[in-house]
Protein backbone atom coordinates (compact mmCIF):
# COMPACT_ATOMS: atom_id res chain seq x y z
CA MET A 1 -66.83 -69.25 -43.84
CA ASP A 2 -66.26 -65.78 -45.29
CA LYS A 3 -67.83 -62.88 -43.44
CA ALA A 4 -70.68 -61.06 -45.14
CA THR A 5 -69.95 -57.54 -46.40
CA VAL A 6 -72.01 -54.60 -45.12
CA LEU A 7 -71.81 -51.18 -46.77
CA VAL A 8 -72.50 -48.27 -44.39
CA VAL A 9 -73.51 -45.00 -46.07
CA ASP A 10 -73.72 -41.81 -43.98
CA ASP A 11 -72.43 -38.26 -44.41
CA THR A 12 -71.62 -37.91 -40.69
CA PRO A 13 -68.30 -39.50 -39.60
CA GLU A 14 -69.56 -40.00 -36.04
CA ASN A 15 -72.51 -42.07 -37.27
CA ILE A 16 -70.21 -44.17 -39.44
CA ASP A 17 -67.90 -44.79 -36.50
CA ILE A 18 -70.80 -45.98 -34.35
CA LEU A 19 -72.09 -48.44 -36.97
CA VAL A 20 -68.61 -49.72 -37.79
CA GLY A 21 -68.01 -50.29 -34.10
CA ILE A 22 -71.22 -52.31 -33.81
CA LEU A 23 -70.64 -54.46 -36.91
CA ALA A 24 -66.89 -54.80 -37.44
CA GLN A 25 -66.49 -57.87 -35.23
CA ASP A 26 -68.98 -59.95 -37.23
CA TYR A 27 -68.85 -58.50 -40.76
CA LYS A 28 -66.60 -56.91 -43.33
CA VAL A 29 -67.63 -53.27 -43.23
CA LYS A 30 -67.15 -50.80 -46.07
CA VAL A 31 -68.11 -47.13 -45.82
CA ALA A 32 -69.17 -44.28 -48.10
CA ILE A 33 -69.82 -40.69 -47.07
CA ASP A 34 -72.22 -39.76 -49.87
CA GLY A 35 -74.58 -41.20 -52.47
CA PRO A 36 -72.34 -41.17 -55.57
CA ARG A 37 -69.51 -42.93 -53.70
CA ALA A 38 -71.97 -45.48 -52.33
CA LEU A 39 -73.24 -46.31 -55.83
CA ALA A 40 -69.72 -46.61 -57.21
CA LEU A 41 -68.57 -48.83 -54.34
CA ALA A 42 -71.69 -51.05 -54.51
CA ALA A 43 -71.15 -51.61 -58.23
CA LYS A 44 -67.44 -52.34 -57.84
CA THR A 45 -67.57 -54.73 -54.88
CA VAL A 46 -71.20 -55.79 -54.46
CA PRO A 47 -72.01 -55.91 -50.71
CA ASP A 48 -74.39 -58.35 -49.07
CA LEU A 49 -76.36 -55.60 -47.31
CA ILE A 50 -76.45 -51.79 -47.21
CA LEU A 51 -77.17 -49.54 -44.22
CA LEU A 52 -78.22 -46.25 -45.81
CA ASP A 53 -78.75 -42.83 -44.26
CA VAL A 54 -81.69 -40.89 -45.67
CA MET A 55 -80.78 -37.26 -44.99
CA MET A 56 -77.60 -36.61 -46.95
CA PRO A 57 -76.66 -33.48 -48.94
CA GLY A 58 -76.76 -33.66 -52.73
CA MET A 59 -78.13 -37.16 -53.33
CA ASN A 60 -80.32 -38.29 -50.45
CA GLY A 61 -80.84 -41.90 -49.37
CA TYR A 62 -84.10 -42.30 -51.26
CA GLU A 63 -82.41 -41.44 -54.55
CA VAL A 64 -79.51 -43.78 -53.77
CA CYS A 65 -81.94 -46.61 -53.06
CA LYS A 66 -83.87 -45.88 -56.25
CA ARG A 67 -80.72 -46.08 -58.35
CA LEU A 68 -79.54 -49.24 -56.62
CA LYS A 69 -82.84 -50.95 -57.43
CA GLN A 70 -82.73 -49.79 -61.07
CA ASP A 71 -79.31 -51.38 -61.66
CA PRO A 72 -79.49 -55.16 -62.30
CA LEU A 73 -76.08 -55.53 -60.68
CA THR A 74 -77.23 -54.09 -57.34
CA SER A 75 -81.03 -54.43 -57.40
CA HIS A 76 -80.97 -57.59 -55.27
CA ILE A 77 -78.99 -56.07 -52.34
CA PRO A 78 -81.14 -55.61 -49.20
CA VAL A 79 -81.21 -51.97 -48.10
CA ILE A 80 -81.95 -50.89 -44.52
CA PHE A 81 -82.54 -47.18 -43.98
CA VAL A 82 -80.90 -45.71 -40.89
CA THR A 83 -82.55 -42.37 -40.18
CA ALA A 84 -83.90 -39.92 -37.64
CA LEU A 85 -87.07 -39.61 -39.72
CA THR A 86 -89.89 -41.42 -37.94
CA ASP A 87 -92.94 -40.25 -39.88
CA VAL A 88 -95.04 -43.07 -41.36
CA ALA A 89 -94.98 -41.34 -44.76
CA ASP A 90 -91.16 -41.42 -44.76
CA GLU A 91 -91.11 -45.12 -43.96
CA THR A 92 -93.73 -45.81 -46.62
CA GLN A 93 -91.66 -43.99 -49.25
CA GLY A 94 -88.60 -46.05 -48.33
CA PHE A 95 -90.45 -49.37 -48.54
CA GLU A 96 -91.97 -48.38 -51.89
CA LEU A 97 -88.45 -47.78 -53.22
CA GLY A 98 -87.43 -51.32 -52.23
CA ALA A 99 -85.94 -51.01 -48.74
CA VAL A 100 -86.39 -54.04 -46.48
CA ASP A 101 -86.32 -52.30 -43.07
CA TYR A 102 -85.87 -49.09 -41.07
CA ILE A 103 -83.61 -48.43 -38.06
CA THR A 104 -84.15 -45.14 -36.24
CA LYS A 105 -81.43 -42.91 -34.86
CA PRO A 106 -79.94 -42.82 -32.35
CA VAL A 107 -79.22 -46.48 -33.08
CA SER A 108 -79.24 -49.29 -30.56
CA ALA A 109 -76.41 -51.81 -30.94
CA PRO A 110 -78.61 -54.89 -30.23
CA VAL A 111 -81.25 -53.65 -32.70
CA VAL A 112 -78.67 -53.02 -35.45
CA LYS A 113 -77.08 -56.44 -34.92
CA ALA A 114 -80.45 -58.21 -34.86
CA ARG A 115 -81.82 -56.47 -37.98
CA VAL A 116 -78.63 -56.99 -39.98
CA LYS A 117 -78.42 -60.66 -38.96
CA THR A 118 -82.08 -61.28 -39.82
CA HIS A 119 -81.97 -59.68 -43.25
CA LEU A 120 -78.70 -61.34 -44.18
CA ALA A 121 -80.23 -64.69 -43.25
CA LEU A 122 -83.30 -63.94 -45.37
CA TYR A 123 -81.05 -62.82 -48.22
CA ASP A 124 -79.04 -66.04 -47.99
CA GLN A 125 -82.24 -68.11 -48.05
CA LYS A 126 -83.47 -66.19 -51.07
CA ARG A 127 -80.20 -66.73 -52.93
CA LEU A 128 -80.22 -70.42 -52.06
CA LEU A 129 -83.82 -70.78 -53.28
CA GLU A 130 -83.03 -68.92 -56.51
CA GLN A 131 -80.06 -71.20 -57.11
CA GLU A 132 -82.17 -74.29 -56.50
CA VAL A 133 -84.80 -72.97 -58.93
CA LYS A 134 -82.12 -72.36 -61.56
CA VAL A 135 -80.74 -75.87 -61.13
CA ARG A 136 -84.21 -77.42 -61.34
CA THR A 137 -85.11 -75.30 -64.37
CA LYS A 138 -81.90 -76.36 -66.09
CA GLU A 139 -82.69 -80.02 -65.33
CA LEU A 140 -86.18 -79.64 -66.82
CA GLU A 141 -84.79 -77.92 -69.92
CA ASP A 142 -82.17 -80.63 -70.36
CA THR A 143 -84.86 -83.30 -70.03
CA ARG A 144 -87.05 -81.56 -72.59
CA PHE A 145 -84.16 -81.22 -75.04
CA GLU A 146 -83.25 -84.89 -74.57
CA ILE A 147 -86.83 -85.99 -75.24
CA ILE A 148 -86.85 -83.96 -78.45
CA ARG A 149 -83.51 -85.42 -79.57
CA ARG A 150 -84.67 -88.96 -78.86
CA LEU A 151 -87.93 -88.46 -80.76
CA GLY A 152 -85.88 -87.18 -83.66
CA ARG A 153 -83.65 -90.24 -83.48
CA ALA A 154 -86.72 -92.52 -83.41
CA ALA A 155 -87.83 -91.10 -86.76
CA GLU A 156 -84.36 -91.57 -88.25
CA TYR A 157 -84.16 -95.21 -87.16
CA LYS A 158 -87.49 -95.85 -88.85
CA ASP A 159 -85.97 -94.45 -92.04
CA ASN A 160 -82.97 -96.80 -92.01
CA GLU A 161 -80.69 -94.02 -90.81
CA THR A 162 -78.71 -93.87 -87.59
CA GLY A 163 -79.41 -91.51 -84.73
CA LEU A 164 -76.09 -89.82 -85.45
CA HIS A 165 -77.73 -88.07 -88.40
CA VAL A 166 -79.85 -85.85 -86.16
CA ILE A 167 -76.84 -85.10 -83.95
CA ARG A 168 -74.64 -84.07 -86.86
CA MET A 169 -77.25 -82.04 -88.70
CA SER A 170 -78.27 -80.18 -85.54
CA HIS A 171 -74.62 -79.18 -85.06
CA TYR A 172 -74.45 -78.06 -88.69
CA ALA A 173 -77.64 -76.02 -88.24
CA ARG A 174 -76.25 -74.19 -85.20
CA LEU A 175 -72.92 -73.63 -86.96
CA LEU A 176 -74.68 -72.06 -89.94
CA ALA A 177 -76.94 -69.97 -87.72
CA VAL A 178 -73.94 -68.58 -85.83
CA GLU A 179 -72.10 -67.77 -89.07
CA SER A 180 -75.23 -66.01 -90.33
CA GLY A 181 -75.06 -63.62 -87.36
CA LEU A 182 -78.24 -64.79 -85.65
CA PRO A 183 -78.60 -64.19 -81.87
CA ASP A 184 -77.03 -66.71 -79.47
CA LYS A 185 -80.42 -67.70 -78.04
CA TYR A 186 -81.74 -68.40 -81.54
CA CYS A 187 -78.68 -70.51 -82.39
CA GLU A 188 -79.26 -72.69 -79.31
CA LEU A 189 -82.95 -73.01 -80.15
CA ILE A 190 -82.28 -74.24 -83.67
CA TYR A 191 -79.68 -76.69 -82.34
CA ASN A 192 -82.27 -78.22 -80.02
CA ALA A 193 -85.23 -78.02 -82.44
CA ALA A 194 -83.52 -79.35 -85.59
CA PRO A 195 -83.54 -83.04 -84.49
CA MET A 196 -87.34 -83.02 -84.85
CA HIS A 197 -87.20 -82.14 -88.56
CA ASP A 198 -88.28 -85.60 -89.82
CA ILE A 199 -90.48 -86.68 -86.91
CA GLY A 200 -93.34 -86.95 -89.42
CA LYS A 201 -91.73 -90.05 -90.92
CA ILE A 202 -93.25 -91.93 -88.00
CA GLY A 203 -96.52 -91.59 -89.92
CA THR A 204 -95.10 -92.76 -93.26
CA PRO A 205 -95.72 -96.42 -94.17
CA ASP A 206 -92.63 -98.66 -93.95
CA ALA A 207 -93.33 -99.98 -97.43
CA ILE A 208 -92.60 -96.50 -98.76
CA LEU A 209 -89.76 -95.55 -96.43
CA LYS A 210 -87.88 -98.80 -97.01
CA LYS A 211 -88.73 -99.38 -100.67
CA PRO A 212 -85.45 -100.24 -102.44
CA ASP A 213 -86.67 -98.92 -105.81
CA LYS A 214 -87.69 -95.49 -106.99
CA LEU A 215 -91.02 -94.32 -105.60
CA ASN A 216 -93.93 -93.98 -108.00
CA GLU A 217 -95.92 -90.77 -108.16
CA GLN A 218 -98.48 -91.78 -105.54
CA GLU A 219 -95.80 -93.07 -103.18
CA TRP A 220 -93.81 -89.88 -103.57
CA LEU A 221 -96.87 -87.79 -102.69
CA GLU A 222 -97.34 -89.96 -99.61
CA MET A 223 -93.68 -89.49 -98.66
CA GLN A 224 -94.05 -85.72 -98.94
CA ARG A 225 -96.82 -85.80 -96.35
CA HIS A 226 -94.21 -86.39 -93.60
CA ALA A 227 -93.60 -82.63 -93.41
CA GLU A 228 -97.23 -81.88 -92.54
CA ILE A 229 -97.50 -84.96 -90.33
CA GLY A 230 -94.44 -83.78 -88.40
CA ALA A 231 -96.00 -80.36 -87.85
CA GLU A 232 -99.20 -82.04 -86.64
CA ILE A 233 -97.30 -84.33 -84.24
CA ILE A 234 -95.48 -81.39 -82.66
CA GLY A 235 -98.60 -79.21 -82.67
CA GLU A 236 -98.90 -75.50 -81.97
CA HIS A 237 -97.43 -74.25 -78.71
CA ASN A 238 -96.40 -71.00 -77.08
CA ASP A 239 -93.09 -72.63 -76.20
CA PRO A 240 -90.41 -71.12 -78.52
CA LEU A 241 -88.54 -74.42 -78.87
CA LEU A 242 -91.56 -76.48 -79.87
CA GLU A 243 -92.85 -73.75 -82.15
CA MET A 244 -89.51 -73.61 -83.96
CA ALA A 245 -89.45 -77.42 -84.19
CA ARG A 246 -92.91 -77.32 -85.81
CA ARG A 247 -91.83 -74.72 -88.38
CA ILE A 248 -88.71 -76.73 -89.21
CA ALA A 249 -90.66 -79.96 -89.65
CA LEU A 250 -93.12 -78.19 -91.96
CA THR A 251 -90.70 -76.14 -94.08
CA HIS A 252 -87.30 -77.85 -94.35
CA HIS A 253 -88.26 -79.36 -97.74
CA GLU A 254 -89.38 -76.04 -99.21
CA LYS A 255 -87.04 -74.66 -101.89
CA TRP A 256 -85.81 -71.15 -102.53
CA ASP A 257 -87.32 -71.14 -106.05
CA GLY A 258 -90.75 -72.32 -104.86
CA THR A 259 -90.57 -75.88 -106.20
CA GLY A 260 -90.39 -77.59 -102.80
CA TYR A 261 -93.13 -79.05 -100.60
CA PRO A 262 -95.59 -79.09 -98.92
CA ASN A 263 -96.72 -75.51 -99.65
CA GLY A 264 -94.48 -74.32 -102.49
CA LEU A 265 -93.07 -71.43 -100.46
CA SER A 266 -90.25 -69.44 -102.02
CA GLY A 267 -87.46 -67.11 -100.93
CA GLU A 268 -87.96 -65.44 -97.58
CA GLU A 269 -91.48 -66.84 -97.32
CA ILE A 270 -89.63 -69.88 -95.97
CA PRO A 271 -88.69 -69.32 -92.31
CA ILE A 272 -84.94 -68.87 -91.85
CA GLU A 273 -84.77 -72.00 -89.67
CA GLY A 274 -86.33 -74.04 -92.47
CA ARG A 275 -83.74 -72.72 -94.94
CA ILE A 276 -80.88 -73.45 -92.53
CA VAL A 277 -82.02 -76.99 -91.77
CA ALA A 278 -82.47 -77.67 -95.50
CA ILE A 279 -78.72 -77.15 -95.97
CA ALA A 280 -77.75 -79.01 -92.79
CA ASP A 281 -79.98 -81.98 -93.64
CA VAL A 282 -78.85 -82.32 -97.27
CA PHE A 283 -75.18 -81.90 -96.40
CA ASP A 284 -75.34 -84.73 -93.89
CA ALA A 285 -77.46 -86.97 -96.11
CA LEU A 286 -75.06 -86.64 -99.04
CA THR A 287 -71.79 -86.96 -97.08
CA SER A 288 -72.98 -90.00 -95.08
CA ILE A 289 -73.03 -93.66 -96.06
CA ARG A 290 -76.51 -95.11 -96.53
CA PRO A 291 -77.57 -98.70 -97.31
CA TYR A 292 -78.51 -97.54 -100.80
CA LYS A 293 -75.51 -95.29 -101.58
CA GLN A 294 -71.90 -94.41 -100.85
CA ALA A 295 -71.00 -91.16 -99.15
CA TRP A 296 -70.35 -88.22 -101.43
CA SER A 297 -67.13 -86.30 -100.97
CA VAL A 298 -67.34 -82.84 -99.42
CA ALA A 299 -66.15 -81.36 -102.73
CA GLU A 300 -68.96 -83.09 -104.65
CA THR A 301 -71.51 -81.94 -102.08
CA MET A 302 -70.33 -78.34 -102.17
CA ASP A 303 -70.47 -78.40 -105.97
CA LEU A 304 -74.12 -79.41 -105.69
CA PHE A 305 -74.77 -76.55 -103.25
CA GLU A 306 -73.17 -74.18 -105.75
CA ARG A 307 -75.39 -75.46 -108.56
CA GLU A 308 -78.52 -75.35 -106.41
CA SER A 309 -77.80 -71.93 -104.89
CA GLY A 310 -80.83 -69.77 -105.69
CA LYS A 311 -82.79 -72.86 -106.71
CA HIS A 312 -83.04 -75.33 -103.83
CA PHE A 313 -81.07 -73.30 -101.29
CA ASP A 314 -80.96 -69.74 -100.00
CA PRO A 315 -77.91 -68.33 -101.86
CA GLU A 316 -76.77 -66.21 -98.91
CA LEU A 317 -76.83 -69.22 -96.60
CA VAL A 318 -74.81 -71.23 -99.12
CA VAL A 319 -72.12 -68.54 -98.96
CA HIS A 320 -72.14 -68.67 -95.16
CA PHE A 321 -71.92 -72.47 -95.17
CA LYS A 322 -68.85 -72.33 -97.40
CA GLN A 323 -67.19 -70.17 -94.72
CA VAL A 324 -67.64 -72.84 -92.04
CA ILE A 325 -67.13 -75.98 -94.09
CA ASP A 326 -63.89 -76.85 -92.26
CA GLU A 327 -65.75 -76.80 -88.94
CA ALA A 328 -68.56 -78.86 -90.46
CA ILE A 329 -66.03 -81.50 -91.53
CA LYS A 330 -64.72 -81.66 -87.96
CA ILE A 331 -68.26 -82.24 -86.70
CA ARG A 332 -68.81 -84.98 -89.29
CA ASP A 333 -65.60 -86.70 -88.27
CA SER A 334 -66.44 -86.41 -84.56
CA TYR A 335 -69.71 -88.28 -85.09
CA ASN A 336 -68.50 -90.70 -87.74
CA GLU A 337 -70.78 -93.74 -87.98
CA THR A 338 -67.87 -95.99 -88.94
CA ALA A 339 -65.55 -94.78 -86.18
């Protein structure tokens, strides 16, 4: 097992020699003779613990500790002040700045060893707990994403489509979001929220969903209700993923020129995720085989996007989608229903 690294900071060589002598057998010991060098060394090779003198010329120990705690790279390192100051006010100031302990000078070897060992053990336990929390949080997020994907697939199966549709179109949505310059976190959100776009079809009668002929006016109005039903199923939440999924379900059939449904939104009134999913959904629907139609070629589909740019689709997003069409084709081929 690798030895823990302790950084000793003191402007007096004799004090450094004493602490190195106490700790060198059990730990890797690095030293700095002033505050600026301590900060530079801590940032370069992050130690597991810092023994920090308070009374140093130029930048004193309190200022060093303050700066360590302000830097995300070093804020987690336990700091023990080693000082001749014994006033309660001095100790209080150090603890308020984030120090974990005080050792008074002249130092006692058993005390130094005991305090360092204790705080390293606490630090290790804290790191282990944080890692376990991260793993558990990741597991919960993965489970949530999988539930959303499976609900999306359930809606597609009801509509005589395969679950691969929601996989492909969610990849297309993320691809288009990335090409549009949206933040990484947003791109991952839309990838995980897009599969819920047609969840409202669960509430659409099978006689309408599976009707082999053209829908009459009343049936078409009933079909359009799936957007609002989907938003109702998902509900309103503070969770960013579910909130985005709700907006997508409600708005992915809106059109740039205001002729879409359910609310006749136009242009940038339509949330960007709704405009992105509109392209991803239509591209997959047209280029995929369905019981009632053959797959369109990519060229035919892109011609339609060109004609509908500024009408059905956001014209800027159509331009972006053209830029990534080769990658979209690779995604389609990777999740080919006939493969």
